[in-house]
């Protein structure tokens, strides 16, 4: 990507974030964004299909940054307390940006993109987990449950919520076979 393209995209991103901090996505227009970014509409459309495409690009970039900062994503199943603390710290480091991008109608995108990205990362490193439905259910429960528990209990502090969720996740492991799954038992597959 050449310098001019980078500068244009940075201008679009900054203008979008400024508008997004004040308005829901549905209330922002391409015309308003282009005026703030000091670009023509044709320039915007050369980079993005519409504002939702731009929002999706920025949201994906933030989630990728969060996930890239996690050293051992497979710890979600192997050492959940440690993983949860690391994930929460990664979210917390980007909290203002997350609060801006994932507000309003976009709030569900954070957890959906996080779950999808974590599944991909974990199964790349531990392909033997991929067809184990019990582990996939546990992972989804940890991701969605942890996210909503954190949102509803932020006032308790990130470390406290992470500690409680980590203990719960470690206790939940007792209910499941050892990792990796016991090869003498038929694996559960999702259908």
N, C-alpha and C. Protein backbone atom coordinates (compact mmCIF):
# COMPACT_ATOMS: atom_id res chain seq x y z
N UNK A 1 0.85 -1.17 0.00
CA UNK A 1 0.00 0.00 0.00
C UNK A 1 0.90 1.24 0.00
N UNK A 2 0.63 2.15 -0.92
CA UNK A 2 1.48 3.34 -1.00
C UNK A 2 1.12 4.36 0.08
N UNK A 3 1.98 5.33 0.26
CA UNK A 3 1.84 6.32 1.33
C UNK A 3 0.54 7.11 1.21
N UNK A 4 0.17 7.48 -0.01
CA UNK A 4 -1.04 8.26 -0.23
C UNK A 4 -2.29 7.47 0.17
N UNK A 5 -2.31 6.19 -0.18
CA UNK A 5 -3.43 5.33 0.19
C UNK A 5 -3.52 5.18 1.70
N UNK A 6 -2.37 5.00 2.35
CA UNK A 6 -2.36 4.89 3.81
C UNK A 6 -2.89 6.16 4.46
N UNK A 7 -2.47 7.30 3.93
CA UNK A 7 -2.92 8.58 4.48
C UNK A 7 -4.43 8.74 4.30
N UNK A 8 -4.94 8.36 3.14
CA UNK A 8 -6.37 8.44 2.88
C UNK A 8 -7.14 7.54 3.83
N UNK A 9 -6.68 6.30 3.99
CA UNK A 9 -7.37 5.38 4.90
C UNK A 9 -7.32 5.87 6.33
N UNK A 10 -6.20 6.41 6.74
CA UNK A 10 -6.08 6.94 8.10
C UNK A 10 -7.07 8.09 8.31
N UNK A 11 -7.20 8.93 7.29
CA UNK A 11 -8.13 10.05 7.34
C UNK A 11 -9.58 9.55 7.44
N UNK A 12 -9.90 8.52 6.66
CA UNK A 12 -11.24 7.92 6.71
C UNK A 12 -11.48 7.31 8.09
N UNK A 13 -10.52 6.55 8.60
CA UNK A 13 -10.66 5.90 9.91
C UNK A 13 -10.87 6.94 11.00
N UNK A 14 -10.04 7.98 11.01
CA UNK A 14 -10.13 8.99 12.06
C UNK A 14 -11.47 9.73 12.01
N UNK A 15 -11.91 10.08 10.81
CA UNK A 15 -13.20 10.76 10.66
C UNK A 15 -14.33 9.84 11.11
N UNK A 16 -14.25 8.58 10.72
CA UNK A 16 -15.29 7.63 11.11
C UNK A 16 -15.35 7.47 12.63
N UNK A 17 -14.20 7.32 13.26
CA UNK A 17 -14.17 7.14 14.72
C UNK A 17 -14.70 8.37 15.43
N UNK A 18 -14.39 9.54 14.91
CA UNK A 18 -14.90 10.78 15.51
C UNK A 18 -16.43 10.84 15.41
N UNK A 19 -16.95 10.51 14.24
CA UNK A 19 -18.40 10.50 14.05
C UNK A 19 -19.06 9.39 14.86
N UNK A 20 -18.43 8.24 14.88
CA UNK A 20 -18.98 7.07 15.57
C UNK A 20 -19.04 7.30 17.08
N UNK A 21 -18.13 8.10 17.61
CA UNK A 21 -18.14 8.41 19.04
C UNK A 21 -19.36 9.26 19.41
N UNK A 22 -19.91 9.97 18.42
CA UNK A 22 -21.06 10.85 18.69
C UNK A 22 -22.39 10.30 18.21
N UNK A 23 -22.36 9.44 17.19
CA UNK A 23 -23.61 8.99 16.57
C UNK A 23 -23.63 7.48 16.38
N UNK A 24 -24.84 6.90 16.37
CA UNK A 24 -24.93 5.49 15.98
C UNK A 24 -24.57 5.36 14.49
N UNK A 25 -24.12 4.20 14.11
CA UNK A 25 -23.70 3.97 12.73
C UNK A 25 -24.80 4.34 11.74
N UNK A 26 -26.03 4.03 12.09
CA UNK A 26 -27.17 4.26 11.20
C UNK A 26 -27.41 5.74 10.92
N UNK A 27 -26.89 6.62 11.76
CA UNK A 27 -27.11 8.07 11.61
C UNK A 27 -25.97 8.77 10.86
N UNK A 28 -24.91 8.04 10.56
CA UNK A 28 -23.77 8.62 9.85
C UNK A 28 -23.99 8.45 8.35
N UNK A 29 -23.68 9.48 7.59
CA UNK A 29 -23.80 9.39 6.13
C UNK A 29 -22.40 9.41 5.49
N UNK A 30 -22.32 8.85 4.31
CA UNK A 30 -21.06 8.86 3.57
C UNK A 30 -20.67 10.31 3.26
N UNK A 31 -21.65 11.13 2.94
CA UNK A 31 -21.38 12.54 2.65
C UNK A 31 -20.73 13.23 3.86
N UNK A 32 -21.29 13.00 5.03
CA UNK A 32 -20.76 13.60 6.26
C UNK A 32 -19.34 13.09 6.55
N UNK A 33 -19.14 11.79 6.38
CA UNK A 33 -17.82 11.20 6.61
C UNK A 33 -16.79 11.79 5.64
N UNK A 34 -17.15 11.87 4.38
CA UNK A 34 -16.23 12.39 3.37
C UNK A 34 -15.88 13.85 3.63
N UNK A 35 -16.86 14.62 4.07
CA UNK A 35 -16.60 16.02 4.41
C UNK A 35 -15.60 16.12 5.56
N UNK A 36 -15.80 15.32 6.58
CA UNK A 36 -14.91 15.34 7.75
C UNK A 36 -13.52 14.81 7.39
N UNK A 37 -13.45 13.81 6.51
CA UNK A 37 -12.17 13.23 6.11
C UNK A 37 -11.48 14.04 5.00
N UNK A 38 -12.23 15.01 4.45
CA UNK A 38 -11.72 15.86 3.37
C UNK A 38 -11.34 15.02 2.14
N UNK A 39 -12.28 14.15 1.75
CA UNK A 39 -12.10 13.32 0.55
C UNK A 39 -13.39 13.36 -0.27
N UNK A 40 -13.30 12.93 -1.50
CA UNK A 40 -14.48 12.83 -2.36
C UNK A 40 -15.18 11.49 -2.10
N UNK A 41 -16.48 11.47 -2.39
CA UNK A 41 -17.23 10.22 -2.21
C UNK A 41 -16.64 9.10 -3.07
N UNK A 42 -16.17 9.44 -4.25
CA UNK A 42 -15.60 8.41 -5.12
C UNK A 42 -14.36 7.77 -4.48
N UNK A 43 -13.62 8.56 -3.71
CA UNK A 43 -12.45 8.02 -3.00
C UNK A 43 -12.90 7.04 -1.94
N UNK A 44 -13.95 7.41 -1.20
CA UNK A 44 -14.48 6.50 -0.19
C UNK A 44 -14.90 5.18 -0.83
N UNK A 45 -15.68 5.28 -1.92
CA UNK A 45 -16.20 4.07 -2.57
C UNK A 45 -15.11 3.26 -3.28
N UNK A 46 -13.97 3.85 -3.51
CA UNK A 46 -12.85 3.09 -4.07
C UNK A 46 -12.26 2.15 -3.01
N UNK A 47 -12.50 2.47 -1.74
CA UNK A 47 -11.97 1.67 -0.64
C UNK A 47 -13.02 0.78 0.04
N UNK A 48 -14.27 1.24 0.08
CA UNK A 48 -15.31 0.53 0.84
C UNK A 48 -16.62 0.53 0.06
N UNK A 49 -17.40 -0.54 0.26
CA UNK A 49 -18.70 -0.62 -0.40
C UNK A 49 -19.68 0.37 0.21
N UNK A 50 -19.64 0.48 1.53
CA UNK A 50 -20.53 1.38 2.26
C UNK A 50 -19.99 1.55 3.68
N UNK A 51 -20.73 2.26 4.52
CA UNK A 51 -20.28 2.50 5.89
C UNK A 51 -20.21 1.21 6.71
N UNK A 52 -21.07 0.26 6.41
CA UNK A 52 -21.03 -1.01 7.14
C UNK A 52 -19.76 -1.80 6.81
N UNK A 53 -19.32 -1.70 5.58
CA UNK A 53 -18.06 -2.34 5.18
C UNK A 53 -16.89 -1.70 5.93
N UNK A 54 -16.90 -0.38 6.04
CA UNK A 54 -15.87 0.32 6.80
C UNK A 54 -15.92 -0.08 8.27
N UNK A 55 -17.13 -0.10 8.85
CA UNK A 55 -17.28 -0.49 10.26
C UNK A 55 -16.76 -1.90 10.47
N UNK A 56 -17.12 -2.81 9.58
CA UNK A 56 -16.68 -4.20 9.69
C UNK A 56 -15.16 -4.31 9.61
N UNK A 57 -14.56 -3.53 8.72
CA UNK A 57 -13.10 -3.54 8.57
C UNK A 57 -12.42 -3.10 9.86
N UNK A 58 -12.89 -2.00 10.44
CA UNK A 58 -12.29 -1.50 11.68
C UNK A 58 -12.54 -2.44 12.85
N UNK A 59 -13.75 -2.99 12.93
CA UNK A 59 -14.07 -3.93 14.02
C UNK A 59 -13.18 -5.17 13.93
N UNK A 60 -13.04 -5.70 12.74
CA UNK A 60 -12.20 -6.88 12.55
C UNK A 60 -10.75 -6.58 12.92
N UNK A 61 -10.28 -5.39 12.56
CA UNK A 61 -8.91 -5.00 12.89
C UNK A 61 -8.70 -4.95 14.41
N UNK A 62 -9.66 -4.41 15.13
CA UNK A 62 -9.54 -4.32 16.60
C UNK A 62 -9.56 -5.72 17.22
N UNK A 63 -10.48 -6.57 16.78
CA UNK A 63 -10.54 -7.94 17.32
C UNK A 63 -9.25 -8.69 16.99
N UNK A 64 -8.74 -8.52 15.79
CA UNK A 64 -7.47 -9.16 15.43
C UNK A 64 -6.33 -8.68 16.33
N UNK A 65 -6.32 -7.39 16.66
CA UNK A 65 -5.30 -6.87 17.57
C UNK A 65 -5.42 -7.52 18.95
N UNK A 66 -6.66 -7.65 19.43
CA UNK A 66 -6.90 -8.29 20.73
C UNK A 66 -6.38 -9.72 20.68
N UNK A 67 -6.78 -10.47 19.68
CA UNK A 67 -6.40 -11.88 19.59
C UNK A 67 -4.91 -12.06 19.34
N UNK A 68 -4.31 -11.17 18.55
CA UNK A 68 -2.87 -11.25 18.30
C UNK A 68 -2.05 -11.03 19.56
N UNK A 69 -2.62 -10.32 20.52
CA UNK A 69 -1.88 -10.05 21.76
C UNK A 69 -1.94 -11.23 22.74
N UNK A 70 -2.76 -12.23 22.44
CA UNK A 70 -2.87 -13.40 23.30
C UNK A 70 -1.80 -14.41 22.88
N UNK A 71 -0.89 -14.69 23.79
CA UNK A 71 0.24 -15.55 23.48
C UNK A 71 -0.15 -17.01 23.26
N UNK A 72 -1.09 -17.51 24.06
CA UNK A 72 -1.45 -18.93 24.02
C UNK A 72 -2.97 -19.09 23.99
N UNK A 73 -3.61 -18.94 22.82
CA UNK A 73 -5.06 -19.05 22.76
C UNK A 73 -5.58 -20.42 23.20
N UNK A 74 -4.76 -21.46 23.04
CA UNK A 74 -5.21 -22.80 23.46
C UNK A 74 -5.39 -22.88 24.98
N UNK A 75 -4.86 -21.91 25.72
CA UNK A 75 -5.07 -21.88 27.17
C UNK A 75 -6.54 -21.68 27.52
N UNK A 76 -7.36 -21.25 26.56
CA UNK A 76 -8.80 -21.12 26.82
C UNK A 76 -9.35 -22.45 27.33
N UNK A 77 -8.80 -23.55 26.86
CA UNK A 77 -9.25 -24.87 27.28
C UNK A 77 -8.29 -25.54 28.25
N UNK A 78 -7.04 -25.15 28.23
CA UNK A 78 -6.04 -25.84 29.05
C UNK A 78 -5.76 -25.14 30.38
N UNK A 79 -5.75 -23.82 30.36
CA UNK A 79 -5.51 -23.00 31.56
C UNK A 79 -6.46 -21.80 31.51
N UNK A 80 -7.75 -22.04 31.68
CA UNK A 80 -8.74 -20.99 31.43
C UNK A 80 -8.59 -19.74 32.29
N UNK A 81 -8.20 -19.88 33.55
CA UNK A 81 -8.06 -18.69 34.40
C UNK A 81 -6.99 -17.75 33.83
N UNK A 82 -5.87 -18.32 33.43
CA UNK A 82 -4.79 -17.54 32.83
C UNK A 82 -5.23 -16.90 31.52
N UNK A 83 -5.94 -17.67 30.70
CA UNK A 83 -6.43 -17.18 29.42
C UNK A 83 -7.40 -16.02 29.61
N UNK A 84 -8.35 -16.17 30.53
CA UNK A 84 -9.36 -15.13 30.75
C UNK A 84 -8.71 -13.82 31.19
N UNK A 85 -7.75 -13.90 32.09
CA UNK A 85 -7.05 -12.68 32.51
C UNK A 85 -6.34 -12.02 31.33
N UNK A 86 -5.70 -12.82 30.50
CA UNK A 86 -4.99 -12.27 29.34
C UNK A 86 -5.96 -11.64 28.34
N UNK A 87 -7.09 -12.29 28.10
CA UNK A 87 -8.09 -11.76 27.18
C UNK A 87 -8.68 -10.45 27.71
N UNK A 88 -9.02 -10.42 28.99
CA UNK A 88 -9.58 -9.20 29.57
C UNK A 88 -8.59 -8.05 29.52
N UNK A 89 -7.33 -8.33 29.76
CA UNK A 89 -6.31 -7.27 29.68
C UNK A 89 -6.21 -6.74 28.25
N UNK A 90 -6.31 -7.64 27.28
CA UNK A 90 -6.25 -7.22 25.88
C UNK A 90 -7.45 -6.34 25.52
N UNK A 91 -8.63 -6.71 26.00
CA UNK A 91 -9.82 -5.87 25.79
C UNK A 91 -9.64 -4.53 26.48
N UNK A 92 -9.20 -4.58 27.73
CA UNK A 92 -9.07 -3.36 28.54
C UNK A 92 -8.10 -2.37 27.90
N UNK A 93 -7.03 -2.86 27.31
CA UNK A 93 -6.05 -2.00 26.66
C UNK A 93 -6.65 -1.24 25.48
N UNK A 94 -7.73 -1.74 24.92
CA UNK A 94 -8.37 -1.11 23.76
C UNK A 94 -9.79 -0.66 24.08
N UNK A 95 -10.09 -0.49 25.35
CA UNK A 95 -11.47 -0.23 25.77
C UNK A 95 -12.10 1.00 25.12
N UNK A 96 -11.45 2.15 25.06
CA UNK A 96 -12.11 3.30 24.43
C UNK A 96 -12.49 3.03 22.96
N UNK A 97 -11.60 2.40 22.23
CA UNK A 97 -11.88 2.08 20.83
C UNK A 97 -13.01 1.05 20.73
N UNK A 98 -12.98 0.05 21.58
CA UNK A 98 -14.03 -0.97 21.59
C UNK A 98 -15.38 -0.34 21.92
N UNK A 99 -15.41 0.53 22.93
CA UNK A 99 -16.66 1.19 23.32
C UNK A 99 -17.23 2.02 22.17
N UNK A 100 -16.36 2.63 21.39
CA UNK A 100 -16.82 3.44 20.26
C UNK A 100 -17.32 2.57 19.11
N UNK A 101 -16.51 1.63 18.68
CA UNK A 101 -16.85 0.83 17.50
C UNK A 101 -18.00 -0.14 17.73
N UNK A 102 -18.06 -0.72 18.92
CA UNK A 102 -19.03 -1.79 19.16
C UNK A 102 -20.22 -1.32 20.00
N UNK A 103 -20.62 -0.09 19.80
CA UNK A 103 -21.78 0.42 20.53
C UNK A 103 -23.04 0.30 19.67
N UNK A 104 -24.18 0.44 20.32
CA UNK A 104 -25.45 0.42 19.61
C UNK A 104 -25.70 -0.89 18.90
N UNK A 105 -26.13 -0.78 17.65
CA UNK A 105 -26.49 -1.97 16.88
C UNK A 105 -25.30 -2.87 16.58
N UNK A 106 -24.09 -2.39 16.81
CA UNK A 106 -22.88 -3.17 16.52
C UNK A 106 -22.36 -3.93 17.74
N UNK A 107 -23.03 -3.82 18.87
CA UNK A 107 -22.50 -4.40 20.12
C UNK A 107 -22.29 -5.91 20.03
N UNK A 108 -23.13 -6.61 19.33
CA UNK A 108 -22.99 -8.06 19.22
C UNK A 108 -21.82 -8.51 18.36
N UNK A 109 -21.30 -7.61 17.54
CA UNK A 109 -20.21 -7.98 16.64
C UNK A 109 -18.92 -8.31 17.38
N UNK A 110 -18.67 -7.65 18.52
CA UNK A 110 -17.43 -7.90 19.25
C UNK A 110 -17.33 -9.35 19.67
N UNK A 111 -18.36 -9.86 20.29
CA UNK A 111 -18.29 -11.23 20.82
C UNK A 111 -18.34 -12.25 19.68
N UNK A 112 -19.11 -11.97 18.62
CA UNK A 112 -19.16 -12.90 17.49
C UNK A 112 -17.80 -13.00 16.80
N UNK A 113 -17.18 -11.86 16.57
CA UNK A 113 -15.87 -11.86 15.91
C UNK A 113 -14.81 -12.48 16.82
N UNK A 114 -14.92 -12.24 18.12
CA UNK A 114 -13.97 -12.82 19.08
C UNK A 114 -14.11 -14.34 19.10
N UNK A 115 -15.34 -14.83 19.18
CA UNK A 115 -15.52 -16.29 19.22
C UNK A 115 -14.99 -16.94 17.94
N UNK A 116 -15.34 -16.38 16.81
CA UNK A 116 -14.88 -16.93 15.54
C UNK A 116 -13.35 -16.94 15.46
N UNK A 117 -12.74 -15.83 15.84
CA UNK A 117 -11.29 -15.74 15.80
C UNK A 117 -10.61 -16.69 16.77
N UNK A 118 -11.17 -16.84 17.97
CA UNK A 118 -10.59 -17.76 18.95
C UNK A 118 -10.70 -19.21 18.49
N UNK A 119 -11.85 -19.57 17.95
CA UNK A 119 -11.99 -20.94 17.42
C UNK A 119 -10.91 -21.20 16.38
N UNK A 120 -10.74 -20.26 15.47
CA UNK A 120 -9.73 -20.42 14.42
C UNK A 120 -8.34 -20.58 15.02
N UNK A 121 -7.97 -19.70 15.95
CA UNK A 121 -6.63 -19.76 16.55
C UNK A 121 -6.41 -21.05 17.34
N UNK A 122 -7.38 -21.41 18.14
CA UNK A 122 -7.24 -22.61 18.97
C UNK A 122 -7.12 -23.86 18.11
N UNK A 123 -7.99 -23.97 17.11
CA UNK A 123 -7.98 -25.18 16.30
C UNK A 123 -6.79 -25.24 15.34
N UNK A 124 -6.18 -24.10 15.04
CA UNK A 124 -4.93 -24.12 14.28
C UNK A 124 -3.82 -24.74 15.13
N UNK A 125 -3.79 -24.38 16.40
CA UNK A 125 -2.74 -24.88 17.29
C UNK A 125 -3.05 -26.26 17.85
N UNK A 126 -4.32 -26.56 18.00
CA UNK A 126 -4.74 -27.84 18.57
C UNK A 126 -5.84 -28.46 17.70
N UNK A 127 -5.48 -28.95 16.51
CA UNK A 127 -6.50 -29.51 15.61
C UNK A 127 -7.25 -30.69 16.21
N UNK A 128 -6.64 -31.37 17.18
CA UNK A 128 -7.32 -32.51 17.81
C UNK A 128 -8.57 -32.08 18.59
N UNK A 129 -8.71 -30.80 18.88
CA UNK A 129 -9.89 -30.30 19.61
C UNK A 129 -11.06 -29.99 18.68
N UNK A 130 -10.80 -29.87 17.40
CA UNK A 130 -11.79 -29.34 16.46
C UNK A 130 -13.10 -30.13 16.40
N UNK A 131 -13.06 -31.44 16.48
CA UNK A 131 -14.28 -32.23 16.35
C UNK A 131 -14.88 -32.64 17.68
N UNK A 132 -14.41 -32.07 18.76
CA UNK A 132 -14.95 -32.41 20.07
C UNK A 132 -16.03 -31.39 20.43
N UNK A 133 -17.29 -31.82 20.30
CA UNK A 133 -18.42 -30.92 20.55
C UNK A 133 -18.44 -30.42 21.98
N UNK A 134 -18.07 -31.27 22.95
CA UNK A 134 -18.06 -30.83 24.35
C UNK A 134 -17.13 -29.64 24.54
N UNK A 135 -15.96 -29.72 23.95
CA UNK A 135 -14.99 -28.63 24.08
C UNK A 135 -15.47 -27.37 23.37
N UNK A 136 -16.12 -27.53 22.23
CA UNK A 136 -16.64 -26.37 21.51
C UNK A 136 -17.75 -25.69 22.31
N UNK A 137 -18.59 -26.49 22.94
CA UNK A 137 -19.66 -25.92 23.78
C UNK A 137 -19.06 -25.20 24.97
N UNK A 138 -18.08 -25.83 25.62
CA UNK A 138 -17.42 -25.20 26.76
C UNK A 138 -16.76 -23.89 26.34
N UNK A 139 -16.11 -23.88 25.22
CA UNK A 139 -15.45 -22.67 24.73
C UNK A 139 -16.47 -21.56 24.46
N UNK A 140 -17.57 -21.89 23.79
CA UNK A 140 -18.61 -20.89 23.53
C UNK A 140 -19.19 -20.35 24.83
N UNK A 141 -19.43 -21.24 25.76
CA UNK A 141 -19.97 -20.83 27.07
C UNK A 141 -19.00 -19.88 27.77
N UNK A 142 -17.73 -20.22 27.75
CA UNK A 142 -16.72 -19.37 28.39
C UNK A 142 -16.65 -18.00 27.72
N UNK A 143 -16.68 -17.98 26.40
CA UNK A 143 -16.54 -16.72 25.67
C UNK A 143 -17.77 -15.84 25.87
N UNK A 144 -18.94 -16.38 25.57
CA UNK A 144 -20.16 -15.58 25.69
C UNK A 144 -20.49 -15.27 27.15
N UNK A 145 -20.40 -16.28 28.01
CA UNK A 145 -20.69 -16.07 29.42
C UNK A 145 -19.72 -15.10 30.07
N UNK A 146 -18.44 -15.25 29.76
CA UNK A 146 -17.43 -14.35 30.31
C UNK A 146 -17.64 -12.92 29.85
N UNK A 147 -17.97 -12.76 28.59
CA UNK A 147 -18.19 -11.43 28.03
C UNK A 147 -19.36 -10.73 28.74
N UNK A 148 -20.48 -11.44 28.85
CA UNK A 148 -21.66 -10.82 29.47
C UNK A 148 -21.48 -10.63 30.97
N UNK A 149 -20.79 -11.54 31.62
CA UNK A 149 -20.50 -11.37 33.05
C UNK A 149 -19.63 -10.13 33.26
N UNK A 150 -18.67 -9.94 32.39
CA UNK A 150 -17.79 -8.77 32.51
C UNK A 150 -18.59 -7.49 32.28
N UNK A 151 -19.42 -7.46 31.23
CA UNK A 151 -20.20 -6.25 30.94
C UNK A 151 -21.11 -5.87 32.11
N UNK A 152 -21.73 -6.86 32.72
CA UNK A 152 -22.69 -6.58 33.79
C UNK A 152 -22.02 -6.35 35.15
N UNK A 153 -20.75 -6.67 35.26
CA UNK A 153 -20.07 -6.55 36.55
C UNK A 153 -18.78 -5.74 36.47
N UNK A 154 -18.69 -4.86 35.52
CA UNK A 154 -17.48 -4.04 35.34
C UNK A 154 -17.11 -3.27 36.60
N UNK A 155 -18.13 -2.84 37.33
CA UNK A 155 -17.87 -2.04 38.53
C UNK A 155 -17.10 -2.82 39.60
N UNK A 156 -17.09 -4.14 39.51
CA UNK A 156 -16.32 -4.98 40.44
C UNK A 156 -14.83 -4.95 40.11
N UNK A 157 -14.51 -4.51 38.92
CA UNK A 157 -13.12 -4.47 38.49
C UNK A 157 -12.77 -5.65 37.60
N UNK A 158 -11.96 -5.38 36.60
CA UNK A 158 -11.59 -6.40 35.63
C UNK A 158 -10.92 -7.60 36.28
N UNK A 159 -9.98 -7.36 37.19
CA UNK A 159 -9.24 -8.46 37.81
C UNK A 159 -10.16 -9.37 38.63
N UNK A 160 -11.10 -8.78 39.35
CA UNK A 160 -12.02 -9.58 40.17
C UNK A 160 -12.92 -10.45 39.30
N UNK A 161 -13.49 -9.85 38.25
CA UNK A 161 -14.36 -10.61 37.35
C UNK A 161 -13.55 -11.73 36.68
N UNK A 162 -12.35 -11.42 36.23
CA UNK A 162 -11.50 -12.44 35.59
C UNK A 162 -11.17 -13.56 36.56
N UNK A 163 -10.91 -13.22 37.81
CA UNK A 163 -10.60 -14.24 38.82
C UNK A 163 -11.77 -15.20 39.03
N UNK A 164 -12.97 -14.65 39.19
CA UNK A 164 -14.16 -15.49 39.40
C UNK A 164 -14.44 -16.34 38.17
N UNK A 165 -14.39 -15.74 36.99
CA UNK A 165 -14.64 -16.50 35.76
C UNK A 165 -13.59 -17.58 35.54
N UNK A 166 -12.35 -17.27 35.87
CA UNK A 166 -11.28 -18.26 35.75
C UNK A 166 -11.51 -19.46 36.65
N UNK A 167 -11.92 -19.20 37.89
CA UNK A 167 -12.21 -20.31 38.81
C UNK A 167 -13.37 -21.14 38.30
N UNK A 168 -14.42 -20.49 37.81
CA UNK A 168 -15.57 -21.22 37.26
C UNK A 168 -15.16 -22.09 36.08
N UNK A 169 -14.36 -21.52 35.18
CA UNK A 169 -13.93 -22.27 34.00
C UNK A 169 -13.07 -23.46 34.38
N UNK A 170 -12.20 -23.28 35.37
CA UNK A 170 -11.36 -24.41 35.80
C UNK A 170 -12.20 -25.50 36.46
N UNK A 171 -13.21 -25.10 37.22
CA UNK A 171 -14.10 -26.09 37.82
C UNK A 171 -14.92 -26.82 36.75
N UNK A 172 -15.29 -26.11 35.70
CA UNK A 172 -16.06 -26.73 34.62
C UNK A 172 -15.25 -27.81 33.90
N UNK A 173 -13.94 -27.67 33.89
CA UNK A 173 -13.10 -28.67 33.23
C UNK A 173 -13.24 -30.05 33.88
N UNK A 174 -13.58 -30.10 35.14
CA UNK A 174 -13.75 -31.37 35.85
C UNK A 174 -14.86 -32.19 35.21
N UNK A 175 -15.83 -31.51 34.61
CA UNK A 175 -16.97 -32.19 34.00
C UNK A 175 -16.65 -32.83 32.66
N UNK A 176 -15.49 -32.53 32.12
CA UNK A 176 -15.15 -33.00 30.78
C UNK A 176 -13.94 -33.91 30.82
N UNK A 177 -13.80 -34.74 29.77
CA UNK A 177 -12.66 -35.65 29.72
C UNK A 177 -11.35 -34.87 29.63
N UNK A 178 -10.25 -35.52 29.92
CA UNK A 178 -8.97 -34.83 29.84
C UNK A 178 -8.69 -34.33 28.43
N UNK A 179 -7.88 -33.30 28.35
CA UNK A 179 -7.47 -32.75 27.06
C UNK A 179 -6.10 -33.31 26.74
N UNK A 180 -5.81 -33.76 25.55
CA UNK A 180 -6.75 -33.95 24.46
C UNK A 180 -7.72 -35.09 24.77
N UNK A 181 -8.81 -35.14 24.00
CA UNK A 181 -9.82 -36.16 24.26
C UNK A 181 -9.25 -37.58 24.26
N UNK A 182 -9.84 -38.41 25.08
CA UNK A 182 -9.43 -39.80 25.21
C UNK A 182 -9.71 -40.53 23.89
N UNK A 183 -8.67 -41.05 23.21
CA UNK A 183 -8.88 -41.70 21.91
C UNK A 183 -9.68 -43.00 22.01
N UNK A 184 -9.81 -43.57 23.21
CA UNK A 184 -10.58 -44.81 23.35
C UNK A 184 -12.08 -44.55 23.32
N UNK A 185 -12.47 -43.28 23.48
CA UNK A 185 -13.90 -42.93 23.44
C UNK A 185 -14.21 -42.30 22.09
N UNK A 186 -15.38 -42.60 21.55
CA UNK A 186 -15.71 -41.99 20.26
C UNK A 186 -15.87 -40.48 20.43
N UNK A 187 -15.29 -39.69 19.53
CA UNK A 187 -15.42 -38.24 19.64
C UNK A 187 -16.83 -37.80 19.31
N UNK A 188 -17.27 -36.76 20.00
CA UNK A 188 -18.55 -36.15 19.67
C UNK A 188 -18.31 -35.23 18.49
N UNK A 189 -19.18 -35.30 17.52
CA UNK A 189 -19.04 -34.42 16.37
C UNK A 189 -20.28 -33.57 16.26
N UNK A 190 -20.11 -32.35 15.81
CA UNK A 190 -21.27 -31.48 15.60
C UNK A 190 -21.87 -31.79 14.24
N UNK A 191 -23.17 -31.79 14.20
CA UNK A 191 -23.84 -32.11 12.94
C UNK A 191 -24.76 -31.00 12.54
